[in-house]
Amino acid sequence: IAVLGGGSWATAIVKMLSENLDEI
């Protein structure tokens, strides 16, 4: 899974994914 974007919502989504994934 990859996130595209550098704003606040993108940052929040990466944080959420970081709880479960080994690589984003």
mmCIF file of all heavy atoms, coordinates in Angstrom:
data_MODEL
# 
_entry.id   MODEL 
# 
loop_
_atom_site.group_PDB 
_atom_site.id 
_atom_site.type_symbol 
_atom_site.label_atom_id 
_atom_site.label_alt_id 
_atom_site.label_comp_id 
_atom_site.label_asym_id 
_atom_site.label_entity_id 
_atom_site.label_seq_id 
_atom_site.pdbx_PDB_ins_code 
_atom_site.Cartn_x 
_atom_site.Cartn_y 
_atom_site.Cartn_z 
_atom_site.occupancy 
_atom_site.B_iso_or_equiv 
_atom_site.pdbx_formal_charge 
_atom_site.auth_seq_id 
_atom_site.auth_comp_id 
_atom_site.auth_asym_id 
_atom_site.auth_atom_id 
_atom_site.pdbx_PDB_model_num 
ATOM 1   N N   . ILE A 1 1  ? 0.853  -1.192 0.000  1.00 0.00 ? 1  ILE A N   1 
ATOM 2   C CA  . ILE A 1 1  ? 0.000  0.000  0.000  1.00 0.00 ? 1  ILE A CA  1 
ATOM 3   C C   . ILE A 1 1  ? 0.886  1.238  0.000  1.00 0.00 ? 1  ILE A C   1 
ATOM 4   O O   . ILE A 1 1  ? 1.879  1.308  0.732  1.00 0.00 ? 1  ILE A O   1 
ATOM 5   C CB  . ILE A 1 1  ? -0.941 0.008  1.223  1.00 0.00 ? 1  ILE A CB  1 
ATOM 6   C CG1 . ILE A 1 1  ? -1.876 -1.212 1.186  1.00 0.00 ? 1  ILE A CG1 1 
ATOM 7   C CG2 . ILE A 1 1  ? -1.757 1.290  1.269  1.00 0.00 ? 1  ILE A CG2 1 
ATOM 8   C CD1 . ILE A 1 1  ? -2.815 -1.320 2.377  1.00 0.00 ? 1  ILE A CD1 1 
ATOM 9   N N   . ALA A 1 2  ? 0.509  2.214  -0.807 1.00 0.00 ? 2  ALA A N   1 
ATOM 10  C CA  . ALA A 1 2  ? 1.239  3.487  -0.852 1.00 0.00 ? 2  ALA A CA  1 
ATOM 11  C C   . ALA A 1 2  ? 0.259  4.643  -0.712 1.00 0.00 ? 2  ALA A C   1 
ATOM 12  O O   . ALA A 1 2  ? -0.890 4.564  -1.150 1.00 0.00 ? 2  ALA A O   1 
ATOM 13  C CB  . ALA A 1 2  ? 2.022  3.620  -2.153 1.00 0.00 ? 2  ALA A CB  1 
ATOM 14  N N   . VAL A 1 3  ? 0.733  5.707  -0.110 1.00 0.00 ? 3  VAL A N   1 
ATOM 15  C CA  . VAL A 1 3  ? -0.044 6.938  0.054  1.00 0.00 ? 3  VAL A CA  1 
ATOM 16  C C   . VAL A 1 3  ? 0.595  8.015  -0.807 1.00 0.00 ? 3  VAL A C   1 
ATOM 17  O O   . VAL A 1 3  ? 1.825  8.190  -0.804 1.00 0.00 ? 3  VAL A O   1 
ATOM 18  C CB  . VAL A 1 3  ? -0.079 7.381  1.533  1.00 0.00 ? 3  VAL A CB  1 
ATOM 19  C CG1 . VAL A 1 3  ? -0.834 8.700  1.688  1.00 0.00 ? 3  VAL A CG1 1 
ATOM 20  C CG2 . VAL A 1 3  ? -0.710 6.293  2.393  1.00 0.00 ? 3  VAL A CG2 1 
ATOM 21  N N   . LEU A 1 4  ? -0.226 8.748  -1.530 1.00 0.00 ? 4  LEU A N   1 
ATOM 22  C CA  . LEU A 1 4  ? 0.267  9.822  -2.382 1.00 0.00 ? 4  LEU A CA  1 
ATOM 23  C C   . LEU A 1 4  ? -0.272 11.146 -1.878 1.00 0.00 ? 4  LEU A C   1 
ATOM 24  O O   . LEU A 1 4  ? -1.480 11.367 -1.860 1.00 0.00 ? 4  LEU A O   1 
ATOM 25  C CB  . LEU A 1 4  ? -0.146 9.582  -3.839 1.00 0.00 ? 4  LEU A CB  1 
ATOM 26  C CG  . LEU A 1 4  ? 0.451  8.303  -4.441 1.00 0.00 ? 4  LEU A CG  1 
ATOM 27  C CD1 . LEU A 1 4  ? -0.537 7.136  -4.330 1.00 0.00 ? 4  LEU A CD1 1 
ATOM 28  C CD2 . LEU A 1 4  ? 0.842  8.501  -5.885 1.00 0.00 ? 4  LEU A CD2 1 
ATOM 29  N N   . GLY A 1 5  ? 0.640  12.009 -1.435 1.00 0.00 ? 5  GLY A N   1 
ATOM 30  C CA  . GLY A 1 5  ? 0.263  13.299 -0.869 1.00 0.00 ? 5  GLY A CA  1 
ATOM 31  C C   . GLY A 1 5  ? 1.113  13.595 0.343  1.00 0.00 ? 5  GLY A C   1 
ATOM 32  O O   . GLY A 1 5  ? 1.550  12.678 1.042  1.00 0.00 ? 5  GLY A O   1 
ATOM 33  N N   . GLY A 1 6  ? 1.357  14.880 0.605  1.00 0.00 ? 6  GLY A N   1 
ATOM 34  C CA  . GLY A 1 6  ? 2.215  15.252 1.728  1.00 0.00 ? 6  GLY A CA  1 
ATOM 35  C C   . GLY A 1 6  ? 1.543  16.119 2.773  1.00 0.00 ? 6  GLY A C   1 
ATOM 36  O O   . GLY A 1 6  ? 2.212  16.633 3.662  1.00 0.00 ? 6  GLY A O   1 
ATOM 37  N N   . GLY A 1 7  ? 0.210  16.266 2.675  1.00 0.00 ? 7  GLY A N   1 
ATOM 38  C CA  . GLY A 1 7  ? -0.517 17.130 3.590  1.00 0.00 ? 7  GLY A CA  1 
ATOM 39  C C   . GLY A 1 7  ? -0.927 16.454 4.879  1.00 0.00 ? 7  GLY A C   1 
ATOM 40  O O   . GLY A 1 7  ? -0.482 15.338 5.196  1.00 0.00 ? 7  GLY A O   1 
ATOM 41  N N   . SER A 1 8  ? -1.818 17.102 5.610  1.00 0.00 ? 8  SER A N   1 
ATOM 42  C CA  . SER A 1 8  ? -2.201 16.599 6.928  1.00 0.00 ? 8  SER A CA  1 
ATOM 43  C C   . SER A 1 8  ? -2.971 15.284 6.834  1.00 0.00 ? 8  SER A C   1 
ATOM 44  O O   . SER A 1 8  ? -2.739 14.363 7.637  1.00 0.00 ? 8  SER A O   1 
ATOM 45  C CB  . SER A 1 8  ? -3.035 17.649 7.680  1.00 0.00 ? 8  SER A CB  1 
ATOM 46  O OG  . SER A 1 8  ? -4.186 18.002 6.946  1.00 0.00 ? 8  SER A OG  1 
ATOM 47  N N   . TRP A 1 9  ? -3.876 15.158 5.867  1.00 0.00 ? 9  TRP A N   1 
ATOM 48  C CA  . TRP A 1 9  ? -4.661 13.932 5.768  1.00 0.00 ? 9  TRP A CA  1 
ATOM 49  C C   . TRP A 1 9  ? -3.792 12.774 5.288  1.00 0.00 ? 9  TRP A C   1 
ATOM 50  O O   . TRP A 1 9  ? -3.908 11.653 5.783  1.00 0.00 ? 9  TRP A O   1 
ATOM 51  C CB  . TRP A 1 9  ? -5.854 14.157 4.854  1.00 0.00 ? 9  TRP A CB  1 
ATOM 52  C CG  . TRP A 1 9  ? -6.902 13.093 4.858  1.00 0.00 ? 9  TRP A CG  1 
ATOM 53  C CD1 . TRP A 1 9  ? -7.563 12.626 3.770  1.00 0.00 ? 9  TRP A CD1 1 
ATOM 54  C CD2 . TRP A 1 9  ? -7.436 12.358 5.979  1.00 0.00 ? 9  TRP A CD2 1 
ATOM 55  N NE1 . TRP A 1 9  ? -8.470 11.646 4.138  1.00 0.00 ? 9  TRP A NE1 1 
ATOM 56  C CE2 . TRP A 1 9  ? -8.410 11.463 5.481  1.00 0.00 ? 9  TRP A CE2 1 
ATOM 57  C CE3 . TRP A 1 9  ? -7.179 12.366 7.346  1.00 0.00 ? 9  TRP A CE3 1 
ATOM 58  C CZ2 . TRP A 1 9  ? -9.126 10.593 6.311  1.00 0.00 ? 9  TRP A CZ2 1 
ATOM 59  C CZ3 . TRP A 1 9  ? -7.895 11.492 8.177  1.00 0.00 ? 9  TRP A CZ3 1 
ATOM 60  C CH2 . TRP A 1 9  ? -8.839 10.625 7.658  1.00 0.00 ? 9  TRP A CH2 1 
ATOM 61  N N   . ALA A 1 10 ? -2.892 13.028 4.348  1.00 0.00 ? 10 ALA A N   1 
ATOM 62  C CA  . ALA A 1 10 ? -1.953 11.990 3.919  1.00 0.00 ? 10 ALA A CA  1 
ATOM 63  C C   . ALA A 1 10 ? -1.096 11.532 5.093  1.00 0.00 ? 10 ALA A C   1 
ATOM 64  O O   . ALA A 1 10 ? -0.867 10.328 5.288  1.00 0.00 ? 10 ALA A O   1 
ATOM 65  C CB  . ALA A 1 10 ? -1.064 12.516 2.793  1.00 0.00 ? 10 ALA A CB  1 
ATOM 66  N N   . THR A 1 11 ? -0.629 12.487 5.881  1.00 0.00 ? 11 THR A N   1 
ATOM 67  C CA  . THR A 1 11 ? 0.212  12.169 7.046  1.00 0.00 ? 11 THR A CA  1 
ATOM 68  C C   . THR A 1 11 ? -0.561 11.330 8.052  1.00 0.00 ? 11 THR A C   1 
ATOM 69  O O   . THR A 1 11 ? -0.044 10.361 8.624  1.00 0.00 ? 11 THR A O   1 
ATOM 70  C CB  . THR A 1 11 ? 0.722  13.464 7.703  1.00 0.00 ? 11 THR A CB  1 
ATOM 71  O OG1 . THR A 1 11 ? 1.403  14.247 6.715  1.00 0.00 ? 11 THR A OG1 1 
ATOM 72  C CG2 . THR A 1 11 ? 1.665  13.177 8.858  1.00 0.00 ? 11 THR A CG2 1 
ATOM 73  N N   . ALA A 1 12 ? -1.832 11.679 8.272  1.00 0.00 ? 12 ALA A N   1 
ATOM 74  C CA  . ALA A 1 12 ? -2.670 10.914 9.203  1.00 0.00 ? 12 ALA A CA  1 
ATOM 75  C C   . ALA A 1 12 ? -2.892 9.493  8.698  1.00 0.00 ? 12 ALA A C   1 
ATOM 76  O O   . ALA A 1 12 ? -2.871 8.531  9.489  1.00 0.00 ? 12 ALA A O   1 
ATOM 77  C CB  . ALA A 1 12 ? -4.009 11.629 9.398  1.00 0.00 ? 12 ALA A CB  1 
ATOM 78  N N   . ILE A 1 13 ? -3.097 9.340  7.401  1.00 0.00 ? 13 ILE A N   1 
ATOM 79  C CA  . ILE A 1 13 ? -3.316 8.003  6.835  1.00 0.00 ? 13 ILE A CA  1 
ATOM 80  C C   . ILE A 1 13 ? -2.064 7.144  6.974  1.00 0.00 ? 13 ILE A C   1 
ATOM 81  O O   . ILE A 1 13 ? -2.146 5.958  7.322  1.00 0.00 ? 13 ILE A O   1 
ATOM 82  C CB  . ILE A 1 13 ? -3.760 8.108  5.363  1.00 0.00 ? 13 ILE A CB  1 
ATOM 83  C CG1 . ILE A 1 13 ? -5.174 8.705  5.289  1.00 0.00 ? 13 ILE A CG1 1 
ATOM 84  C CG2 . ILE A 1 13 ? -3.725 6.738  4.677  1.00 0.00 ? 13 ILE A CG2 1 
ATOM 85  C CD1 . ILE A 1 13 ? -5.623 9.054  3.895  1.00 0.00 ? 13 ILE A CD1 1 
ATOM 86  N N   . VAL A 1 14 ? -0.899 7.728  6.727  1.00 0.00 ? 14 VAL A N   1 
ATOM 87  C CA  . VAL A 1 14 ? 0.351  6.977  6.908  1.00 0.00 ? 14 VAL A CA  1 
ATOM 88  C C   . VAL A 1 14 ? 0.504  6.557  8.368  1.00 0.00 ? 14 VAL A C   1 
ATOM 89  O O   . VAL A 1 14 ? 0.924  5.431  8.658  1.00 0.00 ? 14 VAL A O   1 
ATOM 90  C CB  . VAL A 1 14 ? 1.565  7.804  6.443  1.00 0.00 ? 14 VAL A CB  1 
ATOM 91  C CG1 . VAL A 1 14 ? 2.867  7.073  6.774  1.00 0.00 ? 14 VAL A CG1 1 
ATOM 92  C CG2 . VAL A 1 14 ? 1.495  8.071  4.941  1.00 0.00 ? 14 VAL A CG2 1 
ATOM 93  N N   . LYS A 1 15 ? 0.134  7.430  9.277  1.00 0.00 ? 15 LYS A N   1 
ATOM 94  C CA  . LYS A 1 15 ? 0.189  7.076  10.704 1.00 0.00 ? 15 LYS A CA  1 
ATOM 95  C C   . LYS A 1 15 ? -0.715 5.880  10.996 1.00 0.00 ? 15 LYS A C   1 
ATOM 96  O O   . LYS A 1 15 ? -0.310 4.935  11.691 1.00 0.00 ? 15 LYS A O   1 
ATOM 97  C CB  . LYS A 1 15 ? -0.217 8.260  11.575 1.00 0.00 ? 15 LYS A CB  1 
ATOM 98  C CG  . LYS A 1 15 ? -0.343 7.908  13.070 1.00 0.00 ? 15 LYS A CG  1 
ATOM 99  C CD  . LYS A 1 15 ? -0.708 9.102  13.921 1.00 0.00 ? 15 LYS A CD  1 
ATOM 100 C CE  . LYS A 1 15 ? -1.123 8.692  15.337 1.00 0.00 ? 15 LYS A CE  1 
ATOM 101 N NZ  . LYS A 1 15 ? -0.093 7.912  16.054 1.00 0.00 ? 15 LYS A NZ  1 
ATOM 102 N N   . MET A 1 16 ? -1.936 5.896  10.453 1.00 0.00 ? 16 MET A N   1 
ATOM 103 C CA  . MET A 1 16 ? -2.869 4.783  10.674 1.00 0.00 ? 16 MET A CA  1 
ATOM 104 C C   . MET A 1 16 ? -2.304 3.485  10.108 1.00 0.00 ? 16 MET A C   1 
ATOM 105 O O   . MET A 1 16 ? -2.344 2.435  10.761 1.00 0.00 ? 16 MET A O   1 
ATOM 106 C CB  . MET A 1 16 ? -4.219 5.100  10.021 1.00 0.00 ? 16 MET A CB  1 
ATOM 107 C CG  . MET A 1 16 ? -5.028 6.187  10.695 1.00 0.00 ? 16 MET A CG  1 
ATOM 108 S SD  . MET A 1 16 ? -6.664 6.383  9.910  1.00 0.00 ? 16 MET A SD  1 
ATOM 109 C CE  . MET A 1 16 ? -6.475 7.967  9.099  1.00 0.00 ? 16 MET A CE  1 
ATOM 110 N N   . LEU A 1 17 ? -1.790 3.552  8.885  1.00 0.00 ? 17 LEU A N   1 
ATOM 111 C CA  . LEU A 1 17 ? -1.235 2.353  8.261  1.00 0.00 ? 17 LEU A CA  1 
ATOM 112 C C   . LEU A 1 17 ? -0.023 1.828  9.019  1.00 0.00 ? 17 LEU A C   1 
ATOM 113 O O   . LEU A 1 17 ? 0.216  0.613  9.070  1.00 0.00 ? 17 LEU A O   1 
ATOM 114 C CB  . LEU A 1 17 ? -0.840 2.658  6.811  1.00 0.00 ? 17 LEU A CB  1 
ATOM 115 C CG  . LEU A 1 17 ? -1.973 2.992  5.834  1.00 0.00 ? 17 LEU A CG  1 
ATOM 116 C CD1 . LEU A 1 17 ? -1.411 3.450  4.499  1.00 0.00 ? 17 LEU A CD1 1 
ATOM 117 C CD2 . LEU A 1 17 ? -2.899 1.789  5.640  1.00 0.00 ? 17 LEU A CD2 1 
ATOM 118 N N   . SER A 1 18 ? 0.733  2.737  9.622  1.00 0.00 ? 18 SER A N   1 
ATOM 119 C CA  . SER A 1 18 ? 1.938  2.348  10.368 1.00 0.00 ? 18 SER A CA  1 
ATOM 120 C C   . SER A 1 18 ? 1.623  1.469  11.567 1.00 0.00 ? 18 SER A C   1 
ATOM 121 O O   . SER A 1 18 ? 2.489  0.744  12.058 1.00 0.00 ? 18 SER A O   1 
ATOM 122 C CB  . SER A 1 18 ? 2.695  3.594  10.839 1.00 0.00 ? 18 SER A CB  1 
ATOM 123 O OG  . SER A 1 18 ? 3.166  4.344  9.741  1.00 0.00 ? 18 SER A OG  1 
ATOM 124 N N   . GLU A 1 19 ? 0.387  1.526  12.031 1.00 0.00 ? 19 GLU A N   1 
ATOM 125 C CA  . GLU A 1 19 ? -0.020 0.680  13.162 1.00 0.00 ? 19 GLU A CA  1 
ATOM 126 C C   . GLU A 1 19 ? -0.068 -0.790 12.773 1.00 0.00 ? 19 GLU A C   1 
ATOM 127 O O   . GLU A 1 19 ? 0.022  -1.671 13.632 1.00 0.00 ? 19 GLU A O   1 
ATOM 128 C CB  . GLU A 1 19 ? -1.400 1.115  13.675 1.00 0.00 ? 19 GLU A CB  1 
ATOM 129 C CG  . GLU A 1 19 ? -1.498 2.552  14.140 1.00 0.00 ? 19 GLU A CG  1 
ATOM 130 C CD  . GLU A 1 19 ? -0.857 2.781  15.503 1.00 0.00 ? 19 GLU A CD  1 
ATOM 131 O OE1 . GLU A 1 19 ? -0.464 1.786  16.154 1.00 0.00 ? 19 GLU A OE1 1 
ATOM 132 O OE2 . GLU A 1 19 ? -0.755 3.960  15.910 1.00 0.00 ? 19 GLU A OE2 1 
ATOM 133 N N   . ASN A 1 20 ? -0.223 -1.067 11.451 1.00 0.00 ? 20 ASN A N   1 
ATOM 134 C CA  . ASN A 1 20 ? -0.459 -2.437 11.002 1.00 0.00 ? 20 ASN A CA  1 
ATOM 135 C C   . ASN A 1 20 ? 0.537  -2.973 9.988  1.00 0.00 ? 20 ASN A C   1 
ATOM 136 O O   . ASN A 1 20 ? 0.738  -4.188 9.906  1.00 0.00 ? 20 ASN A O   1 
ATOM 137 C CB  . ASN A 1 20 ? -1.861 -2.533 10.380 1.00 0.00 ? 20 ASN A CB  1 
ATOM 138 C CG  . ASN A 1 20 ? -2.962 -2.217 11.366 1.00 0.00 ? 20 ASN A CG  1 
ATOM 139 O OD1 . ASN A 1 20 ? -3.011 -2.785 12.450 1.00 0.00 ? 20 ASN A OD1 1 
ATOM 140 N ND2 . ASN A 1 20 ? -3.839 -1.288 11.008 1.00 0.00 ? 20 ASN A ND2 1 
ATOM 141 N N   . LEU A 1 21 ? 1.144  -2.094 9.198  1.00 0.00 ? 21 LEU A N   1 
ATOM 142 C CA  . LEU A 1 21 ? 1.983  -2.556 8.091  1.00 0.00 ? 21 LEU A CA  1 
ATOM 143 C C   . LEU A 1 21 ? 3.470  -2.416 8.389  1.00 0.00 ? 21 LEU A C   1 
ATOM 144 O O   . LEU A 1 21 ? 3.886  -1.519 9.116  1.00 0.00 ? 21 LEU A O   1 
ATOM 145 C CB  . LEU A 1 21 ? 1.649  -1.762 6.818  1.00 0.00 ? 21 LEU A CB  1 
ATOM 146 C CG  . LEU A 1 21 ? 0.190  -1.734 6.366  1.00 0.00 ? 21 LEU A CG  1 
ATOM 147 C CD1 . LEU A 1 21 ? 0.062  -1.021 5.030  1.00 0.00 ? 21 LEU A CD1 1 
ATOM 148 C CD2 . LEU A 1 21 ? -0.403 -3.126 6.284  1.00 0.00 ? 21 LEU A CD2 1 
ATOM 149 N N   . ASP A 1 22 ? 4.250  -3.299 7.786  1.00 0.00 ? 22 ASP A N   1 
ATOM 150 C CA  . ASP A 1 22 ? 5.704  -3.255 7.942  1.00 0.00 ? 22 ASP A CA  1 
ATOM 151 C C   . ASP A 1 22 ? 6.348  -2.275 6.965  1.00 0.00 ? 22 ASP A C   1 
ATOM 152 O O   . ASP A 1 22 ? 7.464  -1.818 7.198  1.00 0.00 ? 22 ASP A O   1 
ATOM 153 C CB  . ASP A 1 22 ? 6.303  -4.656 7.731  1.00 0.00 ? 22 ASP A CB  1 
ATOM 154 C CG  . ASP A 1 22 ? 5.827  -5.634 8.789  1.00 0.00 ? 22 ASP A CG  1 
ATOM 155 O OD1 . ASP A 1 22 ? 5.638  -5.207 9.942  1.00 0.00 ? 22 ASP A OD1 1 
ATOM 156 O OD2 . ASP A 1 22 ? 5.632  -6.814 8.450  1.00 0.00 ? 22 ASP A OD2 1 
ATOM 157 N N   . GLU A 1 23 ? 5.634  -1.978 5.857  1.00 0.00 ? 23 GLU A N   1 
ATOM 158 C CA  . GLU A 1 23 ? 6.180  -1.061 4.868  1.00 0.00 ? 23 GLU A CA  1 
ATOM 159 C C   . GLU A 1 23 ? 5.045  -0.278 4.208  1.00 0.00 ? 23 GLU A C   1 
ATOM 160 O O   . GLU A 1 23 ? 4.026  -0.849 3.819  1.00 0.00 ? 23 GLU A O   1 
ATOM 161 C CB  . GLU A 1 23 ? 6.977  -1.814 3.798  1.00 0.00 ? 23 GLU A CB  1 
ATOM 162 C CG  . GLU A 1 23 ? 7.614  -0.891 2.760  1.00 0.00 ? 23 GLU A CG  1 
ATOM 163 C CD  . GLU A 1 23 ? 8.414  -1.642 1.715  1.00 0.00 ? 23 GLU A CD  1 
ATOM 164 O OE1 . GLU A 1 23 ? 9.599  -1.890 1.971  1.00 0.00 ? 23 GLU A OE1 1 
ATOM 165 O OE2 . GLU A 1 23 ? 7.843  -1.997 0.660  1.00 0.00 ? 23 GLU A OE2 1 
ATOM 166 N N   . ILE A 1 24 ? 5.231  1.033  4.098  1.00 0.00 ? 24 ILE A N   1 
ATOM 167 C CA  . ILE A 1 24 ? 4.266  1.908  3.431  1.00 0.00 ? 24 ILE A CA  1 
ATOM 168 C C   . ILE A 1 24 ? 5.011  2.780  2.437  1.00 0.00 ? 24 ILE A C   1 
ATOM 169 O O   . ILE A 1 24 ? 5.979  3.443  2.803  1.00 0.00 ? 24 ILE A O   1 
ATOM 170 C CB  . ILE A 1 24 ? 3.511  2.816  4.434  1.00 0.00 ? 24 ILE A CB  1 
ATOM 171 C CG1 . ILE A 1 24 ? 2.842  1.984  5.530  1.00 0.00 ? 24 ILE A CG1 1 
ATOM 172 C CG2 . ILE A 1 24 ? 2.484  3.687  3.711  1.00 0.00 ? 24 ILE A CG2 1 
ATOM 173 C CD1 . ILE A 1 24 ? 3.436  2.180  6.886  1.00 0.00 ? 24 ILE A CD1 1 
# 
